[in-house]
Amino acid sequence: MKMREYDYIKGNNALNPQRKLREPDREEYEKLKRARKQRQVIINNKKAKLRAGMTQIILLVFIFGMVTIFRDSQVYKIQKSMASIDSDIKAVEADNEALNLDVLKASSLGNVKEKAEKNLGMTIPKKGDIIKVDLSQNNFNLQQVDNTKVGDTTLLEKMMDALW
């Protein structure tokens, strides 16, 4: 007769049950425990890698943002300096135009003749005042100057003479 788990009671007689004692297998329990722990370690490692990757991405975005802001500020400064240089160039060009007009007025032949006669006392030369010189001949004697004198000595020679 097949005994079931609760077939130990027959009437008022109690039989010694042949139960399957279910004692957890210690080895299987440790194996499951190690597997659970290993899965937890793998999950934690994945989370740590993900956190590290996200931190790197955030840092890169921050660094690129700061570099972009820095470069934009430099571009702004350069544009501002270019605008001030352009205004300076326009002012200098206006001054140059005014000076060119003054030069043109002062260099006109009539103006030069008038200033020479009135301020400097110059007159227009007449035929009798003109002196003609023949420049084909050598009118000037060039003398060669000898710069070396007998008594001149160099500093090195003076030092050698003092020592010996």
C-alpha atoms as a PDB file:
ATOM      1  CA  MET A   1       0.000   0.000   0.000  1.00  0.00           C
ATOM      2  CA  LYS A   2       1.202   3.378  -0.876  1.00  0.00           C
ATOM      3  CA  MET A   3       1.632   5.753   1.962  1.00  0.00           C
ATOM      4  CA  ARG A   4       0.816   9.336   1.430  1.00  0.00           C
ATOM      5  CA  GLU A   5       2.030  12.149   3.528  1.00  0.00           C
ATOM      6  CA  TYR A   6      -0.963  12.267   5.833  1.00  0.00           C
ATOM      7  CA  ASP A   7      -1.964   8.657   5.707  1.00  0.00           C
ATOM      8  CA  TYR A   8      -0.547   7.959   9.095  1.00  0.00           C
ATOM      9  CA  ILE A   9      -3.860   8.136  10.858  1.00  0.00           C
ATOM     10  CA  LYS A  10      -6.179   5.169  10.496  1.00  0.00           C
ATOM     11  CA  GLY A  11      -8.881   5.292  12.942  1.00  0.00           C
ATOM     12  CA  ASN A  12      -7.498   5.726  16.335  1.00  0.00           C
ATOM     13  CA  ASN A  13      -4.224   4.021  15.560  1.00  0.00           C
ATOM     14  CA  ALA A  14      -1.365   6.274  14.676  1.00  0.00           C
ATOM     15  CA  LEU A  15       1.228   4.847  12.396  1.00  0.00           C
ATOM     16  CA  ASN A  16       4.805   5.902  12.164  1.00  0.00           C
ATOM     17  CA  PRO A  17       4.698   8.092   9.130  1.00  0.00           C
ATOM     18  CA  GLN A  18       7.296   7.700   6.456  1.00  0.00           C
ATOM     19  CA  ARG A  19       7.543  11.321   5.635  1.00  0.00           C
ATOM     20  CA  LYS A  20       9.998  12.782   3.289  1.00  0.00           C
ATOM     21  CA  LEU A  21      12.048  14.881   5.491  1.00  0.00           C
ATOM     22  CA  ARG A  22      12.857  17.970   3.595  1.00  0.00           C
ATOM     23  CA  GLU A  23      16.098  19.214   4.881  1.00  0.00           C
ATOM     24  CA  PRO A  24      17.538  21.852   2.626  1.00  0.00           C
ATOM     25  CA  ASP A  25      20.581  20.715   0.874  1.00  0.00           C
ATOM     26  CA  ARG A  26      23.385  22.789   2.322  1.00  0.00           C
ATOM     27  CA  GLU A  27      25.489  22.636  -0.799  1.00  0.00           C
ATOM     28  CA  GLU A  28      22.623  23.675  -3.033  1.00  0.00           C
ATOM     29  CA  TYR A  29      21.760  26.464  -0.622  1.00  0.00           C
ATOM     30  CA  GLU A  30      25.352  27.795  -0.695  1.00  0.00           C
ATOM     31  CA  LYS A  31      25.383  27.529  -4.474  1.00  0.00           C
ATOM     32  CA  LEU A  32      22.204  29.590  -4.753  1.00  0.00           C
ATOM     33  CA  LYS A  33      23.553  32.074  -2.233  1.00  0.00           C
ATOM     34  CA  ARG A  34      26.809  32.494  -4.241  1.00  0.00           C
ATOM     35  CA  ALA A  35      24.847  32.869  -7.486  1.00  0.00           C
ATOM     36  CA  ARG A  36      22.623  35.544  -5.914  1.00  0.00           C
ATOM     37  CA  LYS A  37      25.665  37.351  -4.549  1.00  0.00           C
ATOM     38  CA  GLN A  38      27.409  37.133  -7.923  1.00  0.00           C
ATOM     39  CA  ARG A  39      24.339  38.504  -9.716  1.00  0.00           C
ATOM     40  CA  GLN A  40      24.229  41.348  -7.197  1.00  0.00           C
ATOM     41  CA  VAL A  41      27.948  42.100  -7.777  1.00  0.00           C
ATOM     42  CA  ILE A  42      27.435  42.077 -11.551  1.00  0.00           C
ATOM     43  CA  ILE A  43      24.450  44.417 -11.233  1.00  0.00           C
ATOM     44  CA  ASN A  44      26.420  46.734  -8.912  1.00  0.00           C
ATOM     45  CA  ASN A  45      29.379  46.724 -11.344  1.00  0.00           C
ATOM     46  CA  LYS A  46      27.069  47.593 -14.230  1.00  0.00           C
ATOM     47  CA  LYS A  47      25.553  50.418 -12.194  1.00  0.00           C
ATOM     48  CA  ALA A  48      29.021  51.697 -11.255  1.00  0.00           C
ATOM     49  CA  LYS A  49      30.157  51.613 -14.894  1.00  0.00           C
ATOM     50  CA  LEU A  50      26.987  53.406 -15.925  1.00  0.00           C
ATOM     51  CA  ARG A  51      27.507  56.022 -13.191  1.00  0.00           C
ATOM     52  CA  ALA A  52      31.152  56.489 -14.239  1.00  0.00           C
ATOM     53  CA  GLY A  53      30.144  56.847 -17.891  1.00  0.00           C
ATOM     54  CA  MET A  54      27.444  59.368 -17.034  1.00  0.00           C
ATOM     55  CA  THR A  55      29.913  61.310 -14.873  1.00  0.00           C
ATOM     56  CA  GLN A  56      32.399  61.394 -17.742  1.00  0.00           C
ATOM     57  CA  ILE A  57      29.734  62.591 -20.161  1.00  0.00           C
ATOM     58  CA  ILE A  58      28.609  65.283 -17.735  1.00  0.00           C
ATOM     59  CA  LEU A  59      32.208  66.410 -17.202  1.00  0.00           C
ATOM     60  CA  LEU A  60      32.859  66.507 -20.961  1.00  0.00           C
ATOM     61  CA  VAL A  61      29.710  68.542 -21.560  1.00  0.00           C
ATOM     62  CA  PHE A  62      30.725  70.929 -18.761  1.00  0.00           C
ATOM     63  CA  ILE A  63      34.285  71.276 -20.093  1.00  0.00           C
ATOM     64  CA  PHE A  64      33.097  71.827 -23.673  1.00  0.00           C
ATOM     65  CA  GLY A  65      30.584  74.384 -22.402  1.00  0.00           C
ATOM     66  CA  MET A  66      33.284  76.261 -20.497  1.00  0.00           C
ATOM     67  CA  VAL A  67      35.620  76.190 -23.514  1.00  0.00           C
ATOM     68  CA  THR A  68      32.809  77.468 -25.735  1.00  0.00           C
ATOM     69  CA  ILE A  69      31.998  80.282 -23.317  1.00  0.00           C
ATOM     70  CA  PHE A  70      35.683  81.184 -23.041  1.00  0.00           C
ATOM     71  CA  ARG A  71      36.131  81.264 -26.819  1.00  0.00           C
ATOM     72  CA  ASP A  72      32.938  83.296 -27.245  1.00  0.00           C
ATOM     73  CA  SER A  73      34.213  85.837 -24.726  1.00  0.00           C
ATOM     74  CA  GLN A  74      37.493  86.079 -26.641  1.00  0.00           C
ATOM     75  CA  VAL A  75      35.592  86.574 -29.916  1.00  0.00           C
ATOM     76  CA  TYR A  76      33.502  89.279 -28.245  1.00  0.00           C
ATOM     77  CA  LYS A  77      36.637  91.057 -26.982  1.00  0.00           C
ATOM     78  CA  ILE A  78      38.231  90.871 -30.430  1.00  0.00           C
ATOM     79  CA  GLN A  79      35.076  92.244 -32.073  1.00  0.00           C
ATOM     80  CA  LYS A  80      34.972  95.073 -29.546  1.00  0.00           C
ATOM     81  CA  SER A  81      38.631  95.935 -30.154  1.00  0.00           C
ATOM     82  CA  MET A  82      38.075  95.742 -33.933  1.00  0.00           C
ATOM     83  CA  ALA A  83      35.179  98.187 -33.651  1.00  0.00           C
ATOM     84  CA  SER A  84      37.327 100.643 -31.659  1.00  0.00           C
ATOM     85  CA  ILE A  85      40.216 100.210 -34.125  1.00  0.00           C
ATOM     86  CA  ASP A  86      37.834 100.848 -37.044  1.00  0.00           C
ATOM     87  CA  SER A  87      36.609 104.065 -35.416  1.00  0.00           C
ATOM     88  CA  ASP A  88      40.233 105.105 -34.785  1.00  0.00           C
ATOM     89  CA  ILE A  89      41.091 104.368 -38.429  1.00  0.00           C
ATOM     90  CA  LYS A  90      38.171 106.502 -39.621  1.00  0.00           C
ATOM     91  CA  ALA A  91      39.308 109.378 -37.392  1.00  0.00           C
ATOM     92  CA  VAL A  92      42.899 109.105 -38.663  1.00  0.00           C
ATOM     93  CA  GLU A  93      41.686 108.970 -42.270  1.00  0.00           C
ATOM     94  CA  ALA A  94      39.652 112.148 -41.713  1.00  0.00           C
ATOM     95  CA  ASP A  95      42.746 113.840 -40.224  1.00  0.00           C
ATOM     96  CA  ASN A  96      44.846 112.657 -43.178  1.00  0.00           C
ATOM     97  CA  GLU A  97      42.348 114.083 -45.644  1.00  0.00           C
ATOM     98  CA  ALA A  98      42.430 117.427 -43.843  1.00  0.00           C
ATOM     99  CA  LEU A  99      46.250 117.395 -43.853  1.00  0.00           C
ATOM    100  CA  ASN A 100      46.318 116.483 -47.555  1.00  0.00           C
ATOM    101  CA  LEU A 101      44.095 119.481 -48.287  1.00  0.00           C
ATOM    102  CA  ASP A 102      46.480 121.705 -46.294  1.00  0.00           C
ATOM    103  CA  VAL A 103      49.454 120.280 -48.206  1.00  0.00           C
ATOM    104  CA  LEU A 104      47.739 120.883 -51.552  1.00  0.00           C
ATOM    105  CA  LYS A 105      46.934 124.464 -50.566  1.00  0.00           C
ATOM    106  CA  ALA A 106      50.475 125.097 -49.331  1.00  0.00           C
ATOM    107  CA  SER A 107      52.167 123.486 -52.326  1.00  0.00           C
ATOM    108  CA  SER A 108      50.413 125.484 -55.026  1.00  0.00           C
ATOM    109  CA  LEU A 109      52.958 127.491 -57.053  1.00  0.00           C
ATOM    110  CA  GLY A 110      51.229 130.793 -56.488  1.00  0.00           C
ATOM    111  CA  ASN A 111      51.182 130.269 -52.733  1.00  0.00           C
ATOM    112  CA  VAL A 112      54.850 129.196 -52.637  1.00  0.00           C
ATOM    113  CA  LYS A 113      55.904 132.280 -54.715  1.00  0.00           C
ATOM    114  CA  GLU A 114      53.912 134.624 -52.484  1.00  0.00           C
ATOM    115  CA  LYS A 115      55.391 133.225 -49.244  1.00  0.00           C
ATOM    116  CA  ALA A 116      58.925 133.271 -50.668  1.00  0.00           C
ATOM    117  CA  GLU A 117      58.640 136.935 -51.690  1.00  0.00           C
ATOM    118  CA  LYS A 118      56.824 138.224 -48.589  1.00  0.00           C
ATOM    119  CA  ASN A 119      58.157 136.107 -45.705  1.00  0.00           C
ATOM    120  CA  LEU A 120      61.656 135.178 -46.913  1.00  0.00           C
ATOM    121  CA  GLY A 121      62.502 138.220 -49.046  1.00  0.00           C
ATOM    122  CA  MET A 122      63.303 136.184 -52.173  1.00  0.00           C
ATOM    123  CA  THR A 123      63.060 137.573 -55.679  1.00  0.00           C
ATOM    124  CA  ILE A 124      62.890 136.030 -59.124  1.00  0.00           C
ATOM    125  CA  PRO A 125      66.443 135.897 -60.602  1.00  0.00           C
ATOM    126  CA  LYS A 126      67.259 138.026 -63.653  1.00  0.00           C
ATOM    127  CA  LYS A 127      69.606 137.107 -66.499  1.00  0.00           C
ATOM    128  CA  GLY A 128      72.488 138.958 -64.899  1.00  0.00           C
ATOM    129  CA  ASP A 129      72.121 137.155 -61.589  1.00  0.00           C
ATOM    130  CA  ILE A 130      72.513 133.676 -63.104  1.00  0.00           C
ATOM    131  CA  ILE A 131      75.904 131.912 -62.715  1.00  0.00           C
ATOM    132  CA  LYS A 132      76.656 128.937 -64.926  1.00  0.00           C
ATOM    133  CA  VAL A 133      79.064 126.230 -63.746  1.00  0.00           C
ATOM    134  CA  ASP A 134      80.548 123.471 -65.874  1.00  0.00           C
ATOM    135  CA  LEU A 135      80.011 120.269 -63.896  1.00  0.00           C
ATOM    136  CA  SER A 136      81.769 118.017 -66.386  1.00  0.00           C
ATOM    137  CA  GLN A 137      85.144 118.780 -64.761  1.00  0.00           C
ATOM    138  CA  ASN A 138      86.143 117.922 -61.241  1.00  0.00           C
ATOM    139  CA  ASN A 139      85.782 121.278 -59.500  1.00  0.00           C
ATOM    140  CA  PHE A 140      86.247 119.833 -56.045  1.00  0.00           C
ATOM    141  CA  ASN A 141      89.506 118.293 -54.906  1.00  0.00           C
ATOM    142  CA  LEU A 142      88.883 115.326 -52.735  1.00  0.00           C
ATOM    143  CA  GLN A 143      91.519 114.832 -50.122  1.00  0.00           C
ATOM    144  CA  GLN A 144      91.887 111.494 -48.543  1.00  0.00           C
ATOM    145  CA  VAL A 145      92.134 111.696 -44.823  1.00  0.00           C
ATOM    146  CA  ASP A 146      94.417 109.213 -43.063  1.00  0.00           C
ATOM    147  CA  ASN A 147      92.650 108.351 -39.829  1.00  0.00           C
ATOM    148  CA  THR A 148      95.396 106.183 -38.430  1.00  0.00           C
ATOM    149  CA  LYS A 149      97.944 108.118 -36.439  1.00  0.00           C
ATOM    150  CA  VAL A 150     101.282 106.763 -35.424  1.00  0.00           C
ATOM    151  CA  GLY A 151     100.637 107.356 -31.726  1.00  0.00           C
ATOM    152  CA  ASP A 152      97.205 105.668 -31.628  1.00  0.00           C
ATOM    153  CA  THR A 153      97.097 102.316 -29.867  1.00  0.00           C
ATOM    154  CA  THR A 154      94.219 100.054 -29.143  1.00  0.00           C
ATOM    155  CA  LEU A 155      92.963  99.248 -25.696  1.00  0.00           C
ATOM    156  CA  LEU A 156      94.426  95.755 -25.875  1.00  0.00           C
ATOM    157  CA  GLU A 157      97.855  97.143 -26.776  1.00  0.00           C
ATOM    158  CA  LYS A 158      97.681  99.609 -23.867  1.00  0.00           C
ATOM    159  CA  MET A 159      96.809  96.776 -21.464  1.00  0.00           C
ATOM    160  CA  MET A 160      99.647  94.618 -22.791  1.00  0.00           C
ATOM    161  CA  ASP A 161     102.089  97.515 -22.406  1.00  0.00           C
ATOM    162  CA  ALA A 162     100.933  98.119 -18.823  1.00  0.00           C
ATOM    163  CA  LEU A 163     101.349  94.463 -17.873  1.00  0.00           C
ATOM    164  CA  TRP A 164     104.777  93.934 -19.485  1.00  0.00           C
END
